[in-house]
Amino acid sequence: MTLQKNYPIANLSEGQLQKIQRLEKELSQEKNENIVLIAYDEKE
Protein backbone atom coordinates (compact mmCIF):
# COMPACT_ATOMS: atom_id res chain seq x y z
CA MET A 1 0.00 0.00 0.00
CA THR A 2 1.06 3.56 -0.57
CA LEU A 3 1.77 6.13 2.10
CA GLN A 4 -1.33 8.11 1.10
CA LYS A 5 -3.61 5.14 1.70
CA ASN A 6 -2.12 4.32 5.10
CA TYR A 7 -1.55 7.90 6.26
CA PRO A 8 -3.94 10.47 4.78
CA ILE A 9 -3.49 14.07 5.90
CA ALA A 10 -5.32 14.69 9.19
CA ASN A 11 -8.46 16.80 9.15
CA LEU A 12 -7.66 19.43 11.80
CA SER A 13 -9.67 22.28 13.23
CA GLU A 14 -8.38 25.83 12.88
CA GLY A 15 -7.31 25.78 16.55
CA GLN A 16 -5.38 22.54 16.14
CA LEU A 17 -3.66 23.88 13.03
CA GLN A 18 -2.66 27.01 14.92
CA LYS A 19 -1.10 24.87 17.70
CA ILE A 20 0.99 23.02 15.13
CA GLN A 21 2.07 26.29 13.53
CA ARG A 22 3.10 27.70 16.94
CA LEU A 23 5.13 24.56 17.65
CA GLU A 24 6.76 24.78 14.20
CA LYS A 25 7.78 28.37 14.94
CA GLU A 26 9.09 27.49 18.42
CA LEU A 27 11.15 24.55 17.17
CA SER A 28 12.46 26.56 14.21
CA GLN A 29 13.67 29.28 16.57
CA GLU A 30 15.31 26.78 18.94
CA LYS A 31 17.18 24.99 16.14
CA ASN A 32 17.68 28.06 13.94
CA GLU A 33 16.36 25.92 11.07
CA ASN A 34 13.09 25.75 9.16
CA ILE A 35 10.96 23.02 10.81
CA VAL A 36 7.77 21.74 9.18
CA LEU A 37 5.37 19.45 11.05
CA ILE A 38 2.92 17.28 9.14
CA ALA A 39 -0.19 15.73 10.70
CA TYR A 40 -1.36 12.39 9.33
CA ASP A 41 -4.32 10.26 10.30
CA GLU A 42 -3.15 6.65 10.61
CA LYS A 43 -5.43 4.15 8.88
CA GLU A 44 -5.22 0.40 9.19
PDB file of N, CA and C in Angstrom:
ATOM      1  N   MET A   1       0.839  -1.194   0.000  1.00  0.00           N
ATOM      2  CA  MET A   1       0.000   0.000   0.000  1.00  0.00           C
ATOM      3  C   MET A   1       0.875   1.245   0.000  1.00  0.00           C
ATOM      4  N   THR A   2       0.307   2.314  -0.505  1.00  0.00           N
ATOM      5  CA  THR A   2       1.060   3.556  -0.569  1.00  0.00           C
ATOM      6  C   THR A   2       0.921   4.334   0.731  1.00  0.00           C
ATOM      7  N   LEU A   3       1.799   5.283   0.905  1.00  0.00           N
ATOM      8  CA  LEU A   3       1.771   6.127   2.099  1.00  0.00           C
ATOM      9  C   LEU A   3       0.452   6.881   2.205  1.00  0.00           C
ATOM     10  N   GLN A   4      -0.081   7.356   1.079  1.00  0.00           N
ATOM     11  CA  GLN A   4      -1.328   8.113   1.103  1.00  0.00           C
ATOM     12  C   GLN A   4      -2.502   7.267   1.586  1.00  0.00           C
ATOM     13  N   LYS A   5      -2.509   5.994   1.256  1.00  0.00           N
ATOM     14  CA  LYS A   5      -3.614   5.139   1.696  1.00  0.00           C
ATOM     15  C   LYS A   5      -3.519   4.827   3.181  1.00  0.00           C
ATOM     16  N   ASN A   6      -2.305   4.645   3.693  1.00  0.00           N
ATOM     17  CA  ASN A   6      -2.121   4.322   5.102  1.00  0.00           C
ATOM     18  C   ASN A   6      -2.115   5.555   5.998  1.00  0.00           C
ATOM     19  N   TYR A   7      -1.696   6.686   5.462  1.00  0.00           N
ATOM     20  CA  TYR A   7      -1.550   7.897   6.258  1.00  0.00           C
ATOM     21  C   TYR A   7      -2.085   9.123   5.524  1.00  0.00           C
ATOM     22  N   PRO A   8      -3.408   9.264   5.412  1.00  0.00           N
ATOM     23  CA  PRO A   8      -3.945  10.472   4.783  1.00  0.00           C
ATOM     24  C   PRO A   8      -3.709  11.684   5.695  1.00  0.00           C
ATOM     25  N   ILE A   9      -3.681  12.848   5.120  1.00  0.00           N
ATOM     26  CA  ILE A   9      -3.491  14.071   5.904  1.00  0.00           C
ATOM     27  C   ILE A   9      -4.645  14.221   6.884  1.00  0.00           C
ATOM     28  N   ALA A  10      -4.318  14.553   8.125  1.00  0.00           N
ATOM     29  CA  ALA A  10      -5.325  14.690   9.188  1.00  0.00           C
ATOM     30  C   ALA A  10      -6.230  15.887   8.931  1.00  0.00           C
ATOM     31  N   ASN A  11      -7.491  15.721   9.247  1.00  0.00           N
ATOM     32  CA  ASN A  11      -8.461  16.802   9.152  1.00  0.00           C
ATOM     33  C   ASN A  11      -8.468  17.530  10.490  1.00  0.00           C
ATOM     34  N   LEU A  12      -7.827  18.700  10.544  1.00  0.00           N
ATOM     35  CA  LEU A  12      -7.661  19.432  11.797  1.00  0.00           C
ATOM     36  C   LEU A  12      -8.543  20.670  11.841  1.00  0.00           C
ATOM     37  N   SER A  13      -8.937  21.029  13.045  1.00  0.00           N
ATOM     38  CA  SER A  13      -9.670  22.279  13.229  1.00  0.00           C
ATOM     39  C   SER A  13      -8.686  23.445  13.108  1.00  0.00           C
ATOM     40  N   GLU A  14      -9.229  24.630  12.985  1.00  0.00           N
ATOM     41  CA  GLU A  14      -8.377  25.827  12.882  1.00  0.00           C
ATOM     42  C   GLU A  14      -7.502  25.968  14.135  1.00  0.00           C
ATOM     43  N   GLY A  15      -8.068  25.689  15.300  1.00  0.00           N
ATOM     44  CA  GLY A  15      -7.312  25.784  16.545  1.00  0.00           C
ATOM     45  C   GLY A  15      -6.172  24.777  16.602  1.00  0.00           C
ATOM     46  N   GLN A  16      -6.421  23.568  16.149  1.00  0.00           N
ATOM     47  CA  GLN A  16      -5.382  22.541  16.137  1.00  0.00           C
ATOM     48  C   GLN A  16      -4.273  22.910  15.159  1.00  0.00           C
ATOM     49  N   LEU A  17      -4.648  23.442  14.012  1.00  0.00           N
ATOM     50  CA  LEU A  17      -3.664  23.881  13.029  1.00  0.00           C
ATOM     51  C   LEU A  17      -2.803  25.009  13.593  1.00  0.00           C
ATOM     52  N   GLN A  18      -3.404  25.915  14.315  1.00  0.00           N
ATOM     53  CA  GLN A  18      -2.655  27.012  14.921  1.00  0.00           C
ATOM     54  C   GLN A  18      -1.656  26.493  15.958  1.00  0.00           C
ATOM     55  N   LYS A  19      -2.025  25.470  16.727  1.00  0.00           N
ATOM     56  CA  LYS A  19      -1.105  24.870  17.697  1.00  0.00           C
ATOM     57  C   LYS A  19       0.111  24.295  16.991  1.00  0.00           C
ATOM     58  N   ILE A  20      -0.116  23.595  15.883  1.00  0.00           N
ATOM     59  CA  ILE A  20       0.994  23.016  15.126  1.00  0.00           C
ATOM     60  C   ILE A  20       1.884  24.124  14.582  1.00  0.00           C
ATOM     61  N   GLN A  21       1.281  25.191  14.075  1.00  0.00           N
ATOM     62  CA  GLN A  21       2.066  26.291  13.534  1.00  0.00           C
ATOM     63  C   GLN A  21       2.896  26.982  14.620  1.00  0.00           C
ATOM     64  N   ARG A  22       2.334  27.109  15.821  1.00  0.00           N
ATOM     65  CA  ARG A  22       3.098  27.695  16.937  1.00  0.00           C
ATOM     66  C   ARG A  22       4.278  26.807  17.305  1.00  0.00           C
ATOM     67  N   LEU A  23       4.059  25.491  17.332  1.00  0.00           N
ATOM     68  CA  LEU A  23       5.134  24.565  17.646  1.00  0.00           C
ATOM     69  C   LEU A  23       6.208  24.584  16.562  1.00  0.00           C
ATOM     70  N   GLU A  24       5.800  24.667  15.295  1.00  0.00           N
ATOM     71  CA  GLU A  24       6.764  24.783  14.202  1.00  0.00           C
ATOM     72  C   GLU A  24       7.650  26.004  14.414  1.00  0.00           C
ATOM     73  N   LYS A  25       7.036  27.130  14.738  1.00  0.00           N
ATOM     74  CA  LYS A  25       7.785  28.372  14.939  1.00  0.00           C
ATOM     75  C   LYS A  25       8.752  28.242  16.122  1.00  0.00           C
ATOM     76  N   GLU A  26       8.262  27.672  17.224  1.00  0.00           N
ATOM     77  CA  GLU A  26       9.088  27.492  18.419  1.00  0.00           C
ATOM     78  C   GLU A  26      10.293  26.598  18.124  1.00  0.00           C
ATOM     79  N   LEU A  27      10.058  25.469  17.486  1.00  0.00           N
ATOM     80  CA  LEU A  27      11.148  24.547  17.166  1.00  0.00           C
ATOM     81  C   LEU A  27      12.128  25.161  16.171  1.00  0.00           C
ATOM     82  N   SER A  28      11.602  25.896  15.204  1.00  0.00           N
ATOM     83  CA  SER A  28      12.459  26.559  14.213  1.00  0.00           C
ATOM     84  C   SER A  28      13.388  27.561  14.887  1.00  0.00           C
ATOM     85  N   GLN A  29      12.855  28.305  15.848  1.00  0.00           N
ATOM     86  CA  GLN A  29      13.674  29.283  16.571  1.00  0.00           C
ATOM     87  C   GLN A  29      14.727  28.592  17.426  1.00  0.00           C
ATOM     88  N   GLU A  30      14.367  27.508  18.096  1.00  0.00           N
ATOM     89  CA  GLU A  30      15.313  26.775  18.940  1.00  0.00           C
ATOM     90  C   GLU A  30      16.466  26.206  18.129  1.00  0.00           C
ATOM     91  N   LYS A  31      16.162  25.657  16.961  1.00  0.00           N
ATOM     92  CA  LYS A  31      17.177  24.993  16.142  1.00  0.00           C
ATOM     93  C   LYS A  31      17.808  25.925  15.113  1.00  0.00           C
ATOM     94  N   ASN A  32      17.238  27.115  14.961  1.00  0.00           N
ATOM     95  CA  ASN A  32      17.685  28.056  13.940  1.00  0.00           C
ATOM     96  C   ASN A  32      17.653  27.401  12.559  1.00  0.00           C
ATOM     97  N   GLU A  33      16.598  26.617  12.338  1.00  0.00           N
ATOM     98  CA  GLU A  33      16.362  25.922  11.069  1.00  0.00           C
ATOM     99  C   GLU A  33      14.863  25.978  10.782  1.00  0.00           C
ATOM    100  N   ASN A  34      14.505  25.791   9.521  1.00  0.00           N
ATOM    101  CA  ASN A  34      13.093  25.752   9.163  1.00  0.00           C
ATOM    102  C   ASN A  34      12.543  24.361   9.480  1.00  0.00           C
ATOM    103  N   ILE A  35      11.579  24.286  10.396  1.00  0.00           N
ATOM    104  CA  ILE A  35      10.963  23.024  10.807  1.00  0.00           C
ATOM    105  C   ILE A  35       9.520  23.002  10.299  1.00  0.00           C
ATOM    106  N   VAL A  36       9.135  21.905   9.664  1.00  0.00           N
ATOM    107  CA  VAL A  36       7.772  21.736   9.181  1.00  0.00           C
ATOM    108  C   VAL A  36       7.195  20.463   9.794  1.00  0.00           C
ATOM    109  N   LEU A  37       6.063  20.589  10.465  1.00  0.00           N
ATOM    110  CA  LEU A  37       5.374  19.446  11.055  1.00  0.00           C
ATOM    111  C   LEU A  37       4.205  19.071  10.155  1.00  0.00           C
ATOM    112  N   ILE A  38       3.992  17.788   9.987  1.00  0.00           N
ATOM    113  CA  ILE A  38       2.920  17.284   9.142  1.00  0.00           C
ATOM    114  C   ILE A  38       2.054  16.350   9.969  1.00  0.00           C
ATOM    115  N   ALA A  39       0.737  16.551   9.921  1.00  0.00           N
ATOM    116  CA  ALA A  39      -0.190  15.726  10.704  1.00  0.00           C
ATOM    117  C   ALA A  39      -0.891  14.731   9.778  1.00  0.00           C
ATOM    118  N   TYR A  40      -0.704  13.466  10.071  1.00  0.00           N
ATOM    119  CA  TYR A  40      -1.356  12.393   9.327  1.00  0.00           C
ATOM    120  C   TYR A  40      -2.338  11.661  10.212  1.00  0.00           C
ATOM    121  N   ASP A  41      -3.338  11.080   9.603  1.00  0.00           N
ATOM    122  CA  ASP A  41      -4.321  10.257  10.301  1.00  0.00           C
ATOM    123  C   ASP A  41      -4.037   8.809   9.936  1.00  0.00           C
ATOM    124  N   GLU A  42      -3.532   8.034  10.889  1.00  0.00           N
ATOM    125  CA  GLU A  42      -3.149   6.655  10.607  1.00  0.00           C
ATOM    126  C   GLU A  42      -4.380   5.798  10.344  1.00  0.00           C
ATOM    127  N   LYS A  43      -4.354   5.081   9.246  1.00  0.00           N
ATOM    128  CA  LYS A  43      -5.427   4.152   8.882  1.00  0.00           C
ATOM    129  C   LYS A  43      -4.858   2.745   8.838  1.00  0.00           C
ATOM    130  N   GLU A  44      -5.672   1.790   9.226  1.00  0.00           N
ATOM    131  CA  GLU A  44      -5.218   0.397   9.191  1.00  0.00           C
ATOM    132  C   GLU A  44      -5.716  -0.293   7.943  1.00  0.00           C
TER     133      GLU A  44
END
